[in-house]
Amino acid sequence: MGFAMAHGETVVSKHILAKWVERDPFVARVVDVLEGDGEVAELLRMSNINAVLRLGYNDHGPVHARIVAGTALELFSLLLAANVEPTSLVHGTAKNLDEVKAVLVLASYLHDIGNAIHRDMHEHLGALFAKDILDRLIPRVLGDIGPRRFLLRQEVMGAIFSTDYSTRALTVEAGIVKVADGLDMSEGRARIPYEMGKVDIHALSALSIKRVSLSRGSEKPVRITVRMDDLAGYFQVEKVLMPKIRLSGLQGYIELEVYARENKLHVPL
């Protein structure tokens, strides 16, 4: 079934990063550097070999990486419009908004590369695995910023590490990436991996979620709207999205609205 779009809504989809690439030359450069790097491409390919071919799970490769990066930028834009300050700027690890965007895009794009080793503890593995990649890519993205490049590297690694379900995000940036990861769950793109072809609550829940969108909230900076065509979709909201929001540090900035068909559900954050 179709759902009407509200004014100002941005749908979380595989096209979300393209809008940023088209309108923001700096984001375009960061994405170009990432997507032109052979190691990054092969790690994401290997992540999907492990996740999809060996475990029978859903996508955890380059499409997911692009969706999370674009979604993180959308969340950042909404928070910035409400004067929510990026932690890296407050603490001096970043010096301008482009550097903050670099942290968000790099962390979002690389957050699942640990799956190239194993699904277990992939967030922890990925954070460590990203170190040498970031040492190579940050100068290409930001030029010569001196030793501060190591601080920005650690911000990215911290954000990757914080995508783990049980880890509390220490920065606004890490919280953004954590929530963005959880939002890629419409039309079967569940963040709880499920075995494709197997009929169980994981698969039914994932397939029930038809659209996830972002907009400005009425009382808070960000409104997340989840629309599903069956109550089974609530399983993904409860087990994936809500825990990520609660450990993101951004809970006070987010309104969550969940609809099963046209019925609005009461979802206490």
C-alpha atoms as a PDB file:
ATOM      1  CA  MET A   1       0.000   0.000   0.000  1.00  0.00           C
ATOM      2  CA  GLY A   2       1.110   3.586  -0.539  1.00  0.00           C
ATOM      3  CA  PHE A   3       1.728   6.199   2.140  1.00  0.00           C
ATOM      4  CA  ALA A   4       1.327   9.929   1.582  1.00  0.00           C
ATOM      5  CA  MET A   5       4.450  12.038   2.021  1.00  0.00           C
ATOM      6  CA  ALA A   6       4.385  14.848   4.565  1.00  0.00           C
ATOM      7  CA  HIS A   7       5.902  18.205   3.622  1.00  0.00           C
ATOM      8  CA  GLY A   8       9.637  18.336   4.342  1.00  0.00           C
ATOM      9  CA  GLU A   9      10.072  14.591   4.745  1.00  0.00           C
ATOM     10  CA  THR A  10      13.258  12.918   3.488  1.00  0.00           C
ATOM     11  CA  VAL A  11      12.920   9.203   2.838  1.00  0.00           C
ATOM     12  CA  VAL A  12      15.727   6.925   3.996  1.00  0.00           C
ATOM     13  CA  SER A  13      16.577   5.127   0.763  1.00  0.00           C
ATOM     14  CA  LYS A  14      19.446   4.188  -1.521  1.00  0.00           C
ATOM     15  CA  HIS A  15      19.147   7.637  -3.146  1.00  0.00           C
ATOM     16  CA  ILE A  16      19.658   9.684   0.016  1.00  0.00           C
ATOM     17  CA  LEU A  17      23.417  10.222  -0.365  1.00  0.00           C
ATOM     18  CA  ALA A  18      23.129  11.317  -4.019  1.00  0.00           C
ATOM     19  CA  LYS A  19      21.310  14.485  -2.970  1.00  0.00           C
ATOM     20  CA  TRP A  20      24.224  15.480  -0.760  1.00  0.00           C
ATOM     21  CA  VAL A  21      26.816  14.645  -3.392  1.00  0.00           C
ATOM     22  CA  GLU A  22      24.983  16.847  -5.896  1.00  0.00           C
ATOM     23  CA  ARG A  23      24.630  19.887  -3.661  1.00  0.00           C
ATOM     24  CA  ASP A  24      27.718  19.768  -1.434  1.00  0.00           C
ATOM     25  CA  PRO A  25      31.121  19.708  -3.204  1.00  0.00           C
ATOM     26  CA  PHE A  26      32.933  18.750  -0.017  1.00  0.00           C
ATOM     27  CA  VAL A  27      30.702  15.721   0.592  1.00  0.00           C
ATOM     28  CA  ALA A  28      31.180  14.815  -3.069  1.00  0.00           C
ATOM     29  CA  ARG A  29      34.948  14.812  -2.525  1.00  0.00           C
ATOM     30  CA  VAL A  30      34.763  12.622   0.568  1.00  0.00           C
ATOM     31  CA  VAL A  31      32.512  10.126  -1.206  1.00  0.00           C
ATOM     32  CA  ASP A  32      34.754  10.174  -4.294  1.00  0.00           C
ATOM     33  CA  VAL A  33      37.816   9.396  -2.157  1.00  0.00           C
ATOM     34  CA  LEU A  34      36.007   6.548  -0.375  1.00  0.00           C
ATOM     35  CA  GLU A  35      34.530   5.024  -3.510  1.00  0.00           C
ATOM     36  CA  GLY A  36      37.779   5.352  -5.421  1.00  0.00           C
ATOM     37  CA  ASP A  37      39.739   3.406  -2.819  1.00  0.00           C
ATOM     38  CA  GLY A  38      40.310  -0.217  -3.803  1.00  0.00           C
ATOM     39  CA  GLU A  39      40.710  -1.520  -0.261  1.00  0.00           C
ATOM     40  CA  VAL A  40      37.461   0.071   0.922  1.00  0.00           C
ATOM     41  CA  ALA A  41      35.597  -1.377  -2.050  1.00  0.00           C
ATOM     42  CA  GLU A  42      36.926  -4.878  -1.458  1.00  0.00           C
ATOM     43  CA  LEU A  43      36.280  -4.767   2.299  1.00  0.00           C
ATOM     44  CA  LEU A  44      32.654  -3.854   1.671  1.00  0.00           C
ATOM     45  CA  ARG A  45      32.467  -6.606  -0.933  1.00  0.00           C
ATOM     46  CA  MET A  46      33.909  -9.068   1.580  1.00  0.00           C
ATOM     47  CA  SER A  47      31.446  -7.839   4.209  1.00  0.00           C
ATOM     48  CA  ASN A  48      28.617  -8.892   1.947  1.00  0.00           C
ATOM     49  CA  ILE A  49      30.298 -12.187   1.084  1.00  0.00           C
ATOM     50  CA  ASN A  50      30.323 -13.027   4.795  1.00  0.00           C
ATOM     51  CA  ALA A  51      26.916 -11.541   5.617  1.00  0.00           C
ATOM     52  CA  VAL A  52      24.935 -12.598   2.553  1.00  0.00           C
ATOM     53  CA  LEU A  53      26.663 -15.601   1.003  1.00  0.00           C
ATOM     54  CA  ARG A  54      28.039 -17.309   4.127  1.00  0.00           C
ATOM     55  CA  LEU A  55      25.445 -16.377   6.750  1.00  0.00           C
ATOM     56  CA  GLY A  56      22.397 -15.940   4.520  1.00  0.00           C
ATOM     57  CA  TYR A  57      21.716 -12.476   5.953  1.00  0.00           C
ATOM     58  CA  ASN A  58      20.595  -9.253   4.308  1.00  0.00           C
ATOM     59  CA  ASP A  59      22.809  -6.552   2.775  1.00  0.00           C
ATOM     60  CA  HIS A  60      25.683  -5.096   4.821  1.00  0.00           C
ATOM     61  CA  GLY A  61      27.775  -3.811   1.918  1.00  0.00           C
ATOM     62  CA  PRO A  62      28.174  -0.658  -0.207  1.00  0.00           C
ATOM     63  CA  VAL A  63      24.458   0.083  -0.597  1.00  0.00           C
ATOM     64  CA  HIS A  64      24.001   0.089   3.175  1.00  0.00           C
ATOM     65  CA  ALA A  65      27.159   2.207   3.559  1.00  0.00           C
ATOM     66  CA  ARG A  66      25.771   4.870   1.228  1.00  0.00           C
ATOM     67  CA  ILE A  67      22.367   4.865   2.919  1.00  0.00           C
ATOM     68  CA  VAL A  68      23.884   5.337   6.374  1.00  0.00           C
ATOM     69  CA  ALA A  69      26.179   8.126   5.157  1.00  0.00           C
ATOM     70  CA  GLY A  70      23.323  10.066   3.567  1.00  0.00           C
ATOM     71  CA  THR A  71      21.059   9.500   6.546  1.00  0.00           C
ATOM     72  CA  ALA A  72      23.762  10.694   8.942  1.00  0.00           C
ATOM     73  CA  LEU A  73      24.093  13.923   6.962  1.00  0.00           C
ATOM     74  CA  GLU A  74      20.316  14.445   7.063  1.00  0.00           C
ATOM     75  CA  LEU A  75      20.267  13.954  10.835  1.00  0.00           C
ATOM     76  CA  PHE A  76      23.219  16.312  11.190  1.00  0.00           C
ATOM     77  CA  SER A  77      21.454  18.987   9.136  1.00  0.00           C
ATOM     78  CA  LEU A  78      18.313  18.799  11.277  1.00  0.00           C
ATOM     79  CA  LEU A  79      20.291  18.961  14.523  1.00  0.00           C
ATOM     80  CA  LEU A  80      22.463  21.810  13.276  1.00  0.00           C
ATOM     81  CA  ALA A  81      19.362  23.810  12.309  1.00  0.00           C
ATOM     82  CA  ALA A  82      18.271  23.501  15.949  1.00  0.00           C
ATOM     83  CA  ASN A  83      21.679  24.737  17.179  1.00  0.00           C
ATOM     84  CA  VAL A  84      22.815  21.356  18.475  1.00  0.00           C
ATOM     85  CA  GLU A  85      26.601  21.663  18.533  1.00  0.00           C
ATOM     86  CA  PRO A  86      28.817  18.848  17.208  1.00  0.00           C
ATOM     87  CA  THR A  87      30.970  17.493  20.024  1.00  0.00           C
ATOM     88  CA  SER A  88      34.112  17.547  17.909  1.00  0.00           C
ATOM     89  CA  LEU A  89      33.749  21.307  17.416  1.00  0.00           C
ATOM     90  CA  VAL A  90      33.043  21.914  21.101  1.00  0.00           C
ATOM     91  CA  HIS A  91      36.114  19.914  22.146  1.00  0.00           C
ATOM     92  CA  GLY A  92      38.376  21.200  19.369  1.00  0.00           C
ATOM     93  CA  THR A  93      39.082  17.950  17.549  1.00  0.00           C
ATOM     94  CA  ALA A  94      37.371  19.459  14.487  1.00  0.00           C
ATOM     95  CA  LYS A  95      37.807  23.069  13.400  1.00  0.00           C
ATOM     96  CA  ASN A  96      34.899  23.550  10.992  1.00  0.00           C
ATOM     97  CA  LEU A  97      31.698  21.954   9.708  1.00  0.00           C
ATOM     98  CA  ASP A  98      33.437  20.308   6.753  1.00  0.00           C
ATOM     99  CA  GLU A  99      35.640  18.376   9.167  1.00  0.00           C
ATOM    100  CA  VAL A 100      32.541  17.297  11.093  1.00  0.00           C
ATOM    101  CA  LYS A 101      30.936  16.122   7.850  1.00  0.00           C
ATOM    102  CA  ALA A 102      34.125  14.212   7.048  1.00  0.00           C
ATOM    103  CA  VAL A 103      33.890  12.384  10.374  1.00  0.00           C
ATOM    104  CA  LEU A 104      30.232  11.511   9.731  1.00  0.00           C
ATOM    105  CA  VAL A 105      30.693  10.292   6.163  1.00  0.00           C
ATOM    106  CA  LEU A 106      33.886   8.323   6.852  1.00  0.00           C
ATOM    107  CA  ALA A 107      32.421   6.628   9.930  1.00  0.00           C
ATOM    108  CA  SER A 108      29.115   5.883   8.229  1.00  0.00           C
ATOM    109  CA  TYR A 109      30.705   4.481   5.095  1.00  0.00           C
ATOM    110  CA  LEU A 110      33.218   2.326   6.974  1.00  0.00           C
ATOM    111  CA  HIS A 111      31.114   1.265   9.965  1.00  0.00           C
ATOM    112  CA  ASP A 112      30.431  -2.297   8.743  1.00  0.00           C
ATOM    113  CA  ILE A 113      33.871  -3.236   7.364  1.00  0.00           C
ATOM    114  CA  GLY A 114      34.469  -5.463  10.384  1.00  0.00           C
ATOM    115  CA  ASN A 115      32.043  -7.906   8.760  1.00  0.00           C
ATOM    116  CA  ALA A 116      34.864  -8.591   6.304  1.00  0.00           C
ATOM    117  CA  ILE A 117      36.486 -10.535   9.155  1.00  0.00           C
ATOM    118  CA  HIS A 118      33.480 -11.912  11.022  1.00  0.00           C
ATOM    119  CA  ARG A 119      29.953 -10.928  12.024  1.00  0.00           C
ATOM    120  CA  ASP A 120      30.774 -11.417  15.710  1.00  0.00           C
ATOM    121  CA  MET A 121      32.154  -8.217  17.268  1.00  0.00           C
ATOM    122  CA  HIS A 122      32.235  -6.620  13.824  1.00  0.00           C
ATOM    123  CA  GLU A 123      31.857  -3.091  15.248  1.00  0.00           C
ATOM    124  CA  HIS A 124      34.972  -3.536  17.399  1.00  0.00           C
ATOM    125  CA  LEU A 125      36.923  -5.167  14.585  1.00  0.00           C
ATOM    126  CA  GLY A 126      35.823  -2.513  12.120  1.00  0.00           C
ATOM    127  CA  ALA A 127      36.968   0.357  14.332  1.00  0.00           C
ATOM    128  CA  LEU A 128      40.461  -1.122  14.552  1.00  0.00           C
ATOM    129  CA  PHE A 129      40.483  -2.156  10.900  1.00  0.00           C
ATOM    130  CA  ALA A 130      39.691   1.443   9.889  1.00  0.00           C
ATOM    131  CA  LYS A 131      42.861   2.916  11.417  1.00  0.00           C
ATOM    132  CA  ASP A 132      45.237   2.411   8.492  1.00  0.00           C
ATOM    133  CA  ILE A 133      42.528   3.293   5.972  1.00  0.00           C
ATOM    134  CA  LEU A 134      41.845   6.587   7.748  1.00  0.00           C
ATOM    135  CA  ASP A 135      45.545   7.402   7.972  1.00  0.00           C
ATOM    136  CA  ARG A 136      45.584   7.127   4.191  1.00  0.00           C
ATOM    137  CA  LEU A 137      42.273   8.842   3.376  1.00  0.00           C
ATOM    138  CA  ILE A 138      42.011  11.744   5.831  1.00  0.00           C
ATOM    139  CA  PRO A 139      44.901  13.716   4.219  1.00  0.00           C
ATOM    140  CA  ARG A 140      43.299  13.165   0.813  1.00  0.00           C
ATOM    141  CA  VAL A 141      39.999  14.528   2.107  1.00  0.00           C
ATOM    142  CA  LEU A 142      41.203  17.373   4.335  1.00  0.00           C
ATOM    143  CA  GLY A 143      44.733  18.128   3.159  1.00  0.00           C
ATOM    144  CA  ASP A 144      47.560  18.785   5.604  1.00  0.00           C
ATOM    145  CA  ILE A 145      45.982  19.499   8.985  1.00  0.00           C
ATOM    146  CA  GLY A 146      49.028  18.362  10.952  1.00  0.00           C
ATOM    147  CA  PRO A 147      48.845  16.045  13.969  1.00  0.00           C
ATOM    148  CA  ARG A 148      45.166  16.884  14.446  1.00  0.00           C
ATOM    149  CA  ARG A 149      44.452  14.314  11.762  1.00  0.00           C
ATOM    150  CA  PHE A 150      44.987  11.695  14.455  1.00  0.00           C
ATOM    151  CA  LEU A 151      42.258  13.250  16.612  1.00  0.00           C
ATOM    152  CA  LEU A 152      39.815  13.153  13.709  1.00  0.00           C
ATOM    153  CA  ARG A 153      40.852   9.563  12.998  1.00  0.00           C
ATOM    154  CA  GLN A 154      39.965   8.630  16.570  1.00  0.00           C
ATOM    155  CA  GLU A 155      36.603  10.406  16.275  1.00  0.00           C
ATOM    156  CA  VAL A 156      35.801   8.252  13.249  1.00  0.00           C
ATOM    157  CA  MET A 157      36.990   5.071  14.948  1.00  0.00           C
ATOM    158  CA  GLY A 158      34.949   5.934  18.038  1.00  0.00           C
ATOM    159  CA  ALA A 159      31.821   6.414  15.947  1.00  0.00           C
ATOM    160  CA  ILE A 160      32.331   3.045  14.229  1.00  0.00           C
ATOM    161  CA  PHE A 161      32.850   1.347  17.602  1.00  0.00           C
ATOM    162  CA  SER A 162      29.692   2.999  18.965  1.00  0.00           C
ATOM    163  CA  THR A 163      27.421   1.390  16.372  1.00  0.00           C
ATOM    164  CA  ASP A 164      27.496  -1.672  18.637  1.00  0.00           C
ATOM    165  CA  TYR A 165      24.049  -2.118  20.210  1.00  0.00           C
ATOM    166  CA  SER A 166      25.333  -2.072  23.789  1.00  0.00           C
ATOM    167  CA  THR A 167      27.819   0.806  23.461  1.00  0.00           C
ATOM    168  CA  ARG A 168      26.932   4.346  24.548  1.00  0.00           C
ATOM    169  CA  ALA A 169      27.927   7.024  22.071  1.00  0.00           C
ATOM    170  CA  LEU A 170      30.246   9.646  23.568  1.00  0.00           C
ATOM    171  CA  THR A 171      29.736  12.335  20.922  1.00  0.00           C
ATOM    172  CA  VAL A 172      26.900  13.834  18.920  1.00  0.00           C
ATOM    173  CA  GLU A 173      28.649  12.561  15.797  1.00  0.00           C
ATOM    174  CA  ALA A 174      28.859   8.974  17.057  1.00  0.00           C
ATOM    175  CA  GLY A 175      25.205   9.176  18.100  1.00  0.00           C
ATOM    176  CA  ILE A 176      24.217  10.350  14.626  1.00  0.00           C
ATOM    177  CA  VAL A 177      26.002   7.426  12.946  1.00  0.00           C
ATOM    178  CA  LYS A 178      24.497   4.988  15.460  1.00  0.00           C
ATOM    179  CA  VAL A 179      20.942   6.169  14.778  1.00  0.00           C
ATOM    180  CA  ALA A 180      21.525   6.394  11.009  1.00  0.00           C
ATOM    181  CA  ASP A 181      22.620   2.753  10.996  1.00  0.00           C
ATOM    182  CA  GLY A 182      19.384   1.713  12.697  1.00  0.00           C
ATOM    183  CA  LEU A 183      17.207   3.662  10.260  1.00  0.00           C
ATOM    184  CA  ASP A 184      18.087   1.577   7.196  1.00  0.00           C
ATOM    185  CA  MET A 185      15.302  -0.945   7.715  1.00  0.00           C
ATOM    186  CA  SER A 186      12.556  -0.456   5.124  1.00  0.00           C
ATOM    187  CA  GLU A 187      11.497  -3.047   2.547  1.00  0.00           C
ATOM    188  CA  GLY A 188      13.481  -5.889   4.099  1.00  0.00           C
ATOM    189  CA  ARG A 189      16.659  -3.925   4.897  1.00  0.00           C
ATOM    190  CA  ALA A 190      16.560  -4.926   8.568  1.00  0.00           C
ATOM    191  CA  ARG A 191      19.445  -4.113  10.867  1.00  0.00           C
ATOM    192  CA  ILE A 192      18.829  -7.304  12.821  1.00  0.00           C
ATOM    193  CA  PRO A 193      20.198  -9.709  10.219  1.00  0.00           C
ATOM    194  CA  TYR A 194      17.717 -12.361   9.223  1.00  0.00           C
ATOM    195  CA  GLU A 195      18.135 -15.455   7.100  1.00  0.00           C
ATOM    196  CA  MET A 196      16.753 -14.665   3.680  1.00  0.00           C
ATOM    197  CA  GLY A 197      14.124 -17.152   2.563  1.00  0.00           C
ATOM    198  CA  LYS A 198      13.345 -18.154   6.143  1.00  0.00           C
ATOM    199  CA  VAL A 199       9.888 -17.255   7.452  1.00  0.00           C
ATOM    200  CA  ASP A 200      10.243 -16.067  11.040  1.00  0.00           C
ATOM    201  CA  ILE A 201       9.579 -12.897  13.069  1.00  0.00           C
ATOM    202  CA  HIS A 202      12.852 -11.332  11.886  1.00  0.00           C
ATOM    203  CA  ALA A 203      11.966 -11.687   8.207  1.00  0.00           C
ATOM    204  CA  LEU A 204       8.273 -10.827   8.643  1.00  0.00           C
ATOM    205  CA  SER A 205       9.139  -7.751  10.677  1.00  0.00           C
ATOM    206  CA  ALA A 206      11.725  -6.535   8.173  1.00  0.00           C
ATOM    207  CA  LEU A 207       9.394  -6.951   5.212  1.00  0.00           C
ATOM    208  CA  SER A 208       6.561  -5.162   7.022  1.00  0.00           C
ATOM    209  CA  ILE A 209       8.421  -1.835   7.245  1.00  0.00           C
ATOM    210  CA  LYS A 210       7.623   0.107   4.092  1.00  0.00           C
ATOM    211  CA  ARG A 211       9.100   3.553   4.676  1.00  0.00           C
ATOM    212  CA  VAL A 212      11.347   5.354   7.119  1.00  0.00           C
ATOM    213  CA  SER A 213      11.628   9.116   6.839  1.00  0.00           C
ATOM    214  CA  LEU A 214      13.169  12.130   8.562  1.00  0.00           C
ATOM    215  CA  SER A 215      11.729  15.600   9.085  1.00  0.00           C
ATOM    216  CA  ARG A 216      11.817  18.491  11.527  1.00  0.00           C
ATOM    217  CA  GLY A 217       9.896  17.638  14.683  1.00  0.00           C
ATOM    218  CA  SER A 218       7.136  19.754  16.163  1.00  0.00           C
ATOM    219  CA  GLU A 219       8.774  19.890  19.599  1.00  0.00           C
ATOM    220  CA  LYS A 220      12.231  18.434  18.968  1.00  0.00           C
ATOM    221  CA  PRO A 221      14.789  18.912  16.177  1.00  0.00           C
ATOM    222  CA  VAL A 222      14.268  15.512  14.539  1.00  0.00           C
ATOM    223  CA  ARG A 223      11.166  13.486  13.781  1.00  0.00           C
ATOM    224  CA  ILE A 224      11.639   9.886  12.678  1.00  0.00           C
ATOM    225  CA  THR A 225       8.549   8.406  11.034  1.00  0.00           C
ATOM    226  CA  VAL A 226       8.281   4.659  10.484  1.00  0.00           C
ATOM    227  CA  ARG A 227       5.414   3.322   8.379  1.00  0.00           C
ATOM    228  CA  MET A 228       4.594  -0.369   8.212  1.00  0.00           C
ATOM    229  CA  ASP A 229       1.802  -2.397   6.674  1.00  0.00           C
ATOM    230  CA  ASP A 230       1.692  -4.929   9.516  1.00  0.00           C
ATOM    231  CA  LEU A 231       2.274  -4.813  13.271  1.00  0.00           C
ATOM    232  CA  ALA A 232       5.072  -7.365  12.831  1.00  0.00           C
ATOM    233  CA  GLY A 233       7.268  -4.443  11.791  1.00  0.00           C
ATOM    234  CA  TYR A 234       7.243  -3.186  15.354  1.00  0.00           C
ATOM    235  CA  PHE A 235       9.749  -5.915  16.232  1.00  0.00           C
ATOM    236  CA  GLN A 236      12.469  -4.102  14.260  1.00  0.00           C
ATOM    237  CA  VAL A 237      11.561  -0.753  15.831  1.00  0.00           C
ATOM    238  CA  GLU A 238      11.654  -2.174  19.351  1.00  0.00           C
ATOM    239  CA  LYS A 239      14.750  -4.349  18.989  1.00  0.00           C
ATOM    240  CA  VAL A 240      16.893  -2.199  16.685  1.00  0.00           C
ATOM    241  CA  LEU A 241      15.929   1.437  16.448  1.00  0.00           C
ATOM    242  CA  MET A 242      14.825   2.234  19.979  1.00  0.00           C
ATOM    243  CA  PRO A 243      17.926   0.755  21.706  1.00  0.00           C
ATOM    244  CA  LYS A 244      20.168   2.656  19.289  1.00  0.00           C
ATOM    245  CA  ILE A 245      18.363   5.928  19.983  1.00  0.00           C
ATOM    246  CA  ARG A 246      18.525   5.369  23.745  1.00  0.00           C
ATOM    247  CA  LEU A 247      22.299   4.834  23.689  1.00  0.00           C
ATOM    248  CA  SER A 248      22.983   7.523  21.086  1.00  0.00           C
ATOM    249  CA  GLY A 249      22.924  10.477  23.461  1.00  0.00           C
ATOM    250  CA  LEU A 250      20.384  12.056  21.089  1.00  0.00           C
ATOM    251  CA  GLN A 251      17.207  10.750  22.705  1.00  0.00           C
ATOM    252  CA  GLY A 252      16.229  14.225  23.909  1.00  0.00           C
ATOM    253  CA  TYR A 253      16.371  15.576  20.356  1.00  0.00           C
ATOM    254  CA  ILE A 254      14.229  12.932  18.645  1.00  0.00           C
ATOM    255  CA  GLU A 255      10.508  12.368  18.189  1.00  0.00           C
ATOM    256  CA  LEU A 256       9.562   8.874  17.010  1.00  0.00           C
ATOM    257  CA  GLU A 257       6.281   8.250  15.213  1.00  0.00           C
ATOM    258  CA  VAL A 258       5.302   4.747  14.163  1.00  0.00           C
ATOM    259  CA  TYR A 259       2.289   3.895  12.010  1.00  0.00           C
ATOM    260  CA  ALA A 260       0.792   0.479  11.265  1.00  0.00           C
ATOM    261  CA  ARG A 261      -1.175   1.247   8.122  1.00  0.00           C
ATOM    262  CA  GLU A 262      -2.931   4.474   9.151  1.00  0.00           C
ATOM    263  CA  ASN A 263      -2.960   3.748  12.887  1.00  0.00           C
ATOM    264  CA  LYS A 264      -0.459   5.660  14.989  1.00  0.00           C
ATOM    265  CA  LEU A 265       1.154   3.504  17.661  1.00  0.00           C
ATOM    266  CA  HIS A 266       2.184   4.695  21.103  1.00  0.00           C
ATOM    267  CA  VAL A 267       5.959   4.292  21.223  1.00  0.00           C
ATOM    268  CA  PRO A 268       7.579   5.486  24.451  1.00  0.00           C
ATOM    269  CA  LEU A 269      11.219   6.463  23.964  1.00  0.00           C
END
